[in-house]
Amino acid sequence: MTLEITQKEDQVVAKLIGRLDTAASQQFSIDMQPLMDNADKKILMDCTDLDFISSSGLRLFLALRKETIAKGGSITIKGVSPEIKQVFTITGFYSLFIFE
């Protein structure tokens, strides 16, 4: 799992590459700290190259959502595959996020 974070004007873009499974979640929670620090901004999670997400990965998305709500920012998710969209839908997380 790779996380590439870039700043574009008033938006932080996070590109997720690979599998966000239980094994990768611990490192991802460390790597996503800049997103938590910038939770007062617009965050775009680019999941175009995300192959898989586990419940541990969903938990980290939820933690980031909670932080953006607390700091007045927003989070948008783009480029999810039909399989990952189904995971968000089945778990009830789809209604918690903005997808494009």
N, C-alpha and C. Protein backbone atom coordinates (compact mmCIF):
# COMPACT_ATOMS: atom_id res chain seq x y z
N MET A 1 0.86 -1.18 0.00
CA MET A 1 0.00 0.00 0.00
C MET A 1 0.89 1.23 0.00
N THR A 2 0.61 2.12 -0.92
CA THR A 2 1.34 3.38 -1.02
C THR A 2 0.35 4.52 -0.92
N LEU A 3 0.74 5.57 -0.21
CA LEU A 3 -0.07 6.77 -0.09
C LEU A 3 0.77 7.95 -0.54
N GLU A 4 0.31 8.63 -1.59
CA GLU A 4 0.99 9.82 -2.10
C GLU A 4 0.12 11.03 -1.79
N ILE A 5 0.66 11.98 -1.04
CA ILE A 5 -0.10 13.16 -0.64
C ILE A 5 0.50 14.39 -1.31
N THR A 6 -0.36 15.17 -1.97
CA THR A 6 0.06 16.41 -2.60
C THR A 6 -0.91 17.53 -2.22
N GLN A 7 -0.40 18.74 -2.19
CA GLN A 7 -1.20 19.92 -1.88
C GLN A 7 -1.48 20.65 -3.18
N LYS A 8 -2.76 20.94 -3.45
CA LYS A 8 -3.15 21.69 -4.63
C LYS A 8 -4.04 22.83 -4.18
N GLU A 9 -3.50 24.03 -4.14
CA GLU A 9 -4.21 25.22 -3.70
C GLU A 9 -4.87 24.98 -2.34
N ASP A 10 -6.20 24.95 -2.30
CA ASP A 10 -6.90 24.79 -1.02
C ASP A 10 -7.32 23.34 -0.78
N GLN A 11 -6.69 22.42 -1.52
CA GLN A 11 -7.11 21.02 -1.44
C GLN A 11 -5.89 20.12 -1.23
N VAL A 12 -6.07 19.08 -0.42
CA VAL A 12 -5.05 18.06 -0.22
C VAL A 12 -5.52 16.81 -0.95
N VAL A 13 -4.67 16.29 -1.84
CA VAL A 13 -5.02 15.10 -2.61
C VAL A 13 -4.21 13.92 -2.09
N ALA A 14 -4.90 12.84 -1.76
CA ALA A 14 -4.26 11.62 -1.28
C ALA A 14 -4.54 10.52 -2.29
N LYS A 15 -3.50 10.02 -2.91
CA LYS A 15 -3.64 8.93 -3.89
C LYS A 15 -3.27 7.62 -3.22
N LEU A 16 -4.22 6.70 -3.18
CA LEU A 16 -4.01 5.39 -2.56
C LEU A 16 -3.72 4.37 -3.65
N ILE A 17 -2.63 3.63 -3.47
CA ILE A 17 -2.20 2.67 -4.47
C ILE A 17 -1.99 1.31 -3.79
N GLY A 18 -2.65 0.29 -4.31
CA GLY A 18 -2.46 -1.06 -3.78
C GLY A 18 -3.62 -1.54 -2.94
N ARG A 19 -3.29 -2.34 -1.93
CA ARG A 19 -4.28 -2.97 -1.06
C ARG A 19 -4.23 -2.36 0.33
N LEU A 20 -5.36 -1.84 0.78
CA LEU A 20 -5.45 -1.33 2.15
C LEU A 20 -6.09 -2.43 3.00
N ASP A 21 -5.27 -3.44 3.29
CA ASP A 21 -5.74 -4.57 4.08
C ASP A 21 -5.28 -4.40 5.52
N THR A 22 -5.55 -5.38 6.33
CA THR A 22 -5.21 -5.30 7.76
C THR A 22 -3.72 -5.11 7.97
N ALA A 23 -2.91 -5.81 7.18
CA ALA A 23 -1.45 -5.69 7.31
C ALA A 23 -0.96 -4.29 6.97
N ALA A 24 -1.56 -3.66 5.97
CA ALA A 24 -1.13 -2.33 5.54
C ALA A 24 -1.73 -1.21 6.39
N SER A 25 -2.76 -1.50 7.15
CA SER A 25 -3.48 -0.47 7.90
C SER A 25 -2.62 0.22 8.95
N GLN A 26 -1.75 -0.52 9.60
CA GLN A 26 -0.91 0.08 10.64
C GLN A 26 0.00 1.15 10.04
N GLN A 27 0.65 0.84 8.93
CA GLN A 27 1.52 1.82 8.29
C GLN A 27 0.70 2.96 7.69
N PHE A 28 -0.46 2.64 7.13
CA PHE A 28 -1.32 3.67 6.55
C PHE A 28 -1.76 4.67 7.61
N SER A 29 -2.02 4.20 8.82
CA SER A 29 -2.44 5.11 9.90
C SER A 29 -1.33 6.10 10.23
N ILE A 30 -0.09 5.70 10.06
CA ILE A 30 1.05 6.61 10.27
C ILE A 30 1.18 7.54 9.06
N ASP A 31 1.11 6.96 7.86
CA ASP A 31 1.29 7.73 6.63
C ASP A 31 0.20 8.78 6.43
N MET A 32 -0.99 8.55 7.00
CA MET A 32 -2.10 9.49 6.79
C MET A 32 -2.10 10.66 7.79
N GLN A 33 -1.10 10.73 8.64
CA GLN A 33 -1.03 11.82 9.61
C GLN A 33 -1.09 13.21 8.97
N PRO A 34 -0.42 13.43 7.83
CA PRO A 34 -0.57 14.75 7.18
C PRO A 34 -2.02 15.07 6.80
N LEU A 35 -2.80 14.05 6.49
CA LEU A 35 -4.22 14.29 6.20
C LEU A 35 -4.95 14.71 7.46
N MET A 36 -4.65 14.07 8.56
CA MET A 36 -5.28 14.43 9.83
C MET A 36 -4.88 15.86 10.22
N ASP A 37 -3.63 16.21 9.97
CA ASP A 37 -3.15 17.56 10.28
C ASP A 37 -3.83 18.62 9.42
N ASN A 38 -4.24 18.25 8.22
CA ASN A 38 -4.89 19.17 7.28
C ASN A 38 -6.39 18.93 7.18
N ALA A 39 -6.98 18.37 8.21
CA ALA A 39 -8.40 18.03 8.19
C ALA A 39 -9.31 19.25 8.15
N ASP A 40 -8.75 20.44 8.28
CA ASP A 40 -9.54 21.66 8.17
C ASP A 40 -9.69 22.10 6.71
N LYS A 41 -9.09 21.35 5.79
CA LYS A 41 -9.13 21.67 4.37
C LYS A 41 -10.01 20.66 3.63
N LYS A 42 -10.11 20.86 2.33
CA LYS A 42 -10.78 19.88 1.47
C LYS A 42 -9.80 18.76 1.19
N ILE A 43 -10.19 17.55 1.47
CA ILE A 43 -9.34 16.38 1.21
C ILE A 43 -10.00 15.53 0.14
N LEU A 44 -9.22 15.21 -0.88
CA LEU A 44 -9.70 14.35 -1.95
C LEU A 44 -8.93 13.04 -1.87
N MET A 45 -9.65 11.97 -1.63
CA MET A 45 -9.06 10.63 -1.58
C MET A 45 -9.22 10.00 -2.96
N ASP A 46 -8.11 9.90 -3.70
CA ASP A 46 -8.13 9.32 -5.03
C ASP A 46 -7.89 7.83 -4.92
N CYS A 47 -8.94 7.06 -5.11
CA CYS A 47 -8.89 5.61 -4.94
C CYS A 47 -8.87 4.87 -6.28
N THR A 48 -8.48 5.58 -7.34
CA THR A 48 -8.45 4.98 -8.67
C THR A 48 -7.57 3.73 -8.70
N ASP A 49 -6.45 3.76 -7.97
CA ASP A 49 -5.51 2.63 -7.96
C ASP A 49 -5.58 1.81 -6.67
N LEU A 50 -6.66 1.97 -5.92
CA LEU A 50 -6.86 1.16 -4.72
C LEU A 50 -7.52 -0.16 -5.14
N ASP A 51 -6.85 -1.27 -4.85
CA ASP A 51 -7.32 -2.58 -5.30
C ASP A 51 -8.25 -3.28 -4.31
N PHE A 52 -8.12 -2.95 -3.01
CA PHE A 52 -8.84 -3.67 -1.97
C PHE A 52 -8.87 -2.81 -0.72
N ILE A 53 -9.95 -2.91 0.04
CA ILE A 53 -10.02 -2.24 1.35
C ILE A 53 -10.66 -3.20 2.34
N SER A 54 -10.03 -3.33 3.49
CA SER A 54 -10.54 -4.20 4.55
C SER A 54 -11.30 -3.36 5.58
N SER A 55 -11.85 -4.02 6.57
CA SER A 55 -12.54 -3.30 7.64
C SER A 55 -11.58 -2.39 8.39
N SER A 56 -10.33 -2.78 8.49
CA SER A 56 -9.32 -1.92 9.13
C SER A 56 -9.11 -0.65 8.33
N GLY A 57 -9.12 -0.78 7.01
CA GLY A 57 -8.99 0.39 6.15
C GLY A 57 -10.20 1.29 6.24
N LEU A 58 -11.38 0.70 6.29
CA LEU A 58 -12.61 1.49 6.46
C LEU A 58 -12.58 2.27 7.77
N ARG A 59 -12.06 1.64 8.81
CA ARG A 59 -11.97 2.31 10.11
C ARG A 59 -11.10 3.57 10.01
N LEU A 60 -10.03 3.51 9.23
CA LEU A 60 -9.15 4.67 9.07
C LEU A 60 -9.84 5.77 8.26
N PHE A 61 -10.62 5.39 7.25
CA PHE A 61 -11.41 6.39 6.51
C PHE A 61 -12.38 7.08 7.47
N LEU A 62 -13.00 6.30 8.34
CA LEU A 62 -13.95 6.84 9.30
C LEU A 62 -13.26 7.79 10.28
N ALA A 63 -12.06 7.44 10.72
CA ALA A 63 -11.30 8.30 11.63
C ALA A 63 -10.98 9.64 10.95
N LEU A 64 -10.62 9.58 9.67
CA LEU A 64 -10.33 10.81 8.93
C LEU A 64 -11.60 11.64 8.76
N ARG A 65 -12.70 10.99 8.50
CA ARG A 65 -13.98 11.71 8.39
C ARG A 65 -14.32 12.43 9.69
N LYS A 66 -14.14 11.74 10.79
CA LYS A 66 -14.42 12.32 12.11
C LYS A 66 -13.54 13.56 12.34
N GLU A 67 -12.28 13.47 11.94
CA GLU A 67 -11.35 14.59 12.12
C GLU A 67 -11.74 15.77 11.23
N THR A 68 -12.16 15.51 9.99
CA THR A 68 -12.55 16.61 9.11
C THR A 68 -13.82 17.30 9.63
N ILE A 69 -14.73 16.53 10.17
CA ILE A 69 -15.94 17.13 10.74
C ILE A 69 -15.57 18.02 11.93
N ALA A 70 -14.68 17.54 12.78
CA ALA A 70 -14.28 18.30 13.96
C ALA A 70 -13.54 19.59 13.60
N LYS A 71 -12.77 19.56 12.51
CA LYS A 71 -11.96 20.72 12.14
C LYS A 71 -12.59 21.58 11.05
N GLY A 72 -13.77 21.20 10.56
CA GLY A 72 -14.47 22.01 9.57
C GLY A 72 -14.04 21.78 8.14
N GLY A 73 -13.36 20.70 7.88
CA GLY A 73 -12.94 20.37 6.52
C GLY A 73 -13.96 19.47 5.85
N SER A 74 -13.54 18.88 4.74
CA SER A 74 -14.41 17.94 4.04
C SER A 74 -13.56 16.87 3.38
N ILE A 75 -14.19 15.74 3.13
CA ILE A 75 -13.50 14.63 2.48
C ILE A 75 -14.37 14.13 1.33
N THR A 76 -13.75 13.97 0.17
CA THR A 76 -14.41 13.43 -1.00
C THR A 76 -13.59 12.25 -1.50
N ILE A 77 -14.28 11.22 -1.93
CA ILE A 77 -13.60 10.02 -2.43
C ILE A 77 -13.92 9.90 -3.91
N LYS A 78 -12.88 9.67 -4.71
CA LYS A 78 -13.12 9.51 -6.15
C LYS A 78 -12.42 8.27 -6.66
N GLY A 79 -12.95 7.76 -7.76
CA GLY A 79 -12.30 6.68 -8.48
C GLY A 79 -12.40 5.30 -7.86
N VAL A 80 -13.41 5.06 -7.04
CA VAL A 80 -13.52 3.72 -6.44
C VAL A 80 -14.03 2.71 -7.47
N SER A 81 -13.50 1.51 -7.41
CA SER A 81 -13.93 0.44 -8.28
C SER A 81 -15.32 -0.04 -7.82
N PRO A 82 -16.03 -0.74 -8.67
CA PRO A 82 -17.34 -1.28 -8.26
C PRO A 82 -17.24 -2.18 -7.03
N GLU A 83 -16.15 -2.94 -6.91
CA GLU A 83 -15.97 -3.84 -5.76
C GLU A 83 -15.80 -3.05 -4.47
N ILE A 84 -15.00 -2.00 -4.51
CA ILE A 84 -14.79 -1.18 -3.31
C ILE A 84 -16.04 -0.39 -2.98
N LYS A 85 -16.74 0.10 -3.99
CA LYS A 85 -18.01 0.79 -3.76
C LYS A 85 -18.99 -0.14 -3.05
N GLN A 86 -18.99 -1.40 -3.46
CA GLN A 86 -19.87 -2.38 -2.83
C GLN A 86 -19.53 -2.57 -1.36
N VAL A 87 -18.24 -2.58 -1.01
CA VAL A 87 -17.82 -2.70 0.39
C VAL A 87 -18.35 -1.51 1.19
N PHE A 88 -18.20 -0.29 0.64
CA PHE A 88 -18.72 0.90 1.32
C PHE A 88 -20.23 0.81 1.48
N THR A 89 -20.92 0.30 0.47
CA THR A 89 -22.37 0.22 0.50
C THR A 89 -22.85 -0.81 1.52
N ILE A 90 -22.27 -1.99 1.48
CA ILE A 90 -22.69 -3.08 2.38
C ILE A 90 -22.49 -2.69 3.84
N THR A 91 -21.40 -1.99 4.12
CA THR A 91 -21.10 -1.61 5.51
C THR A 91 -21.86 -0.37 5.97
N GLY A 92 -22.57 0.28 5.05
CA GLY A 92 -23.29 1.49 5.42
C GLY A 92 -22.44 2.74 5.39
N PHE A 93 -21.18 2.62 4.96
CA PHE A 93 -20.26 3.75 4.92
C PHE A 93 -20.52 4.64 3.70
N TYR A 94 -21.18 4.11 2.69
CA TYR A 94 -21.37 4.88 1.46
C TYR A 94 -22.10 6.19 1.73
N SER A 95 -23.05 6.16 2.63
CA SER A 95 -23.84 7.37 2.94
C SER A 95 -23.07 8.36 3.80
N LEU A 96 -21.92 7.96 4.33
CA LEU A 96 -21.14 8.85 5.20
C LEU A 96 -20.14 9.72 4.44
N PHE A 97 -19.92 9.41 3.18
CA PHE A 97 -18.90 10.09 2.40
C PHE A 97 -19.50 10.66 1.12
N ILE A 98 -18.80 11.63 0.56
CA ILE A 98 -19.15 12.19 -0.75
C ILE A 98 -18.29 11.47 -1.77
N PHE A 99 -18.92 10.91 -2.79
CA PHE A 99 -18.21 10.20 -3.84
C PHE A 99 -18.36 10.97 -5.15
N GLU A 100 -17.30 10.95 -5.94
CA GLU A 100 -17.41 11.53 -7.30
C GLU A 100 -16.83 10.57 -8.30
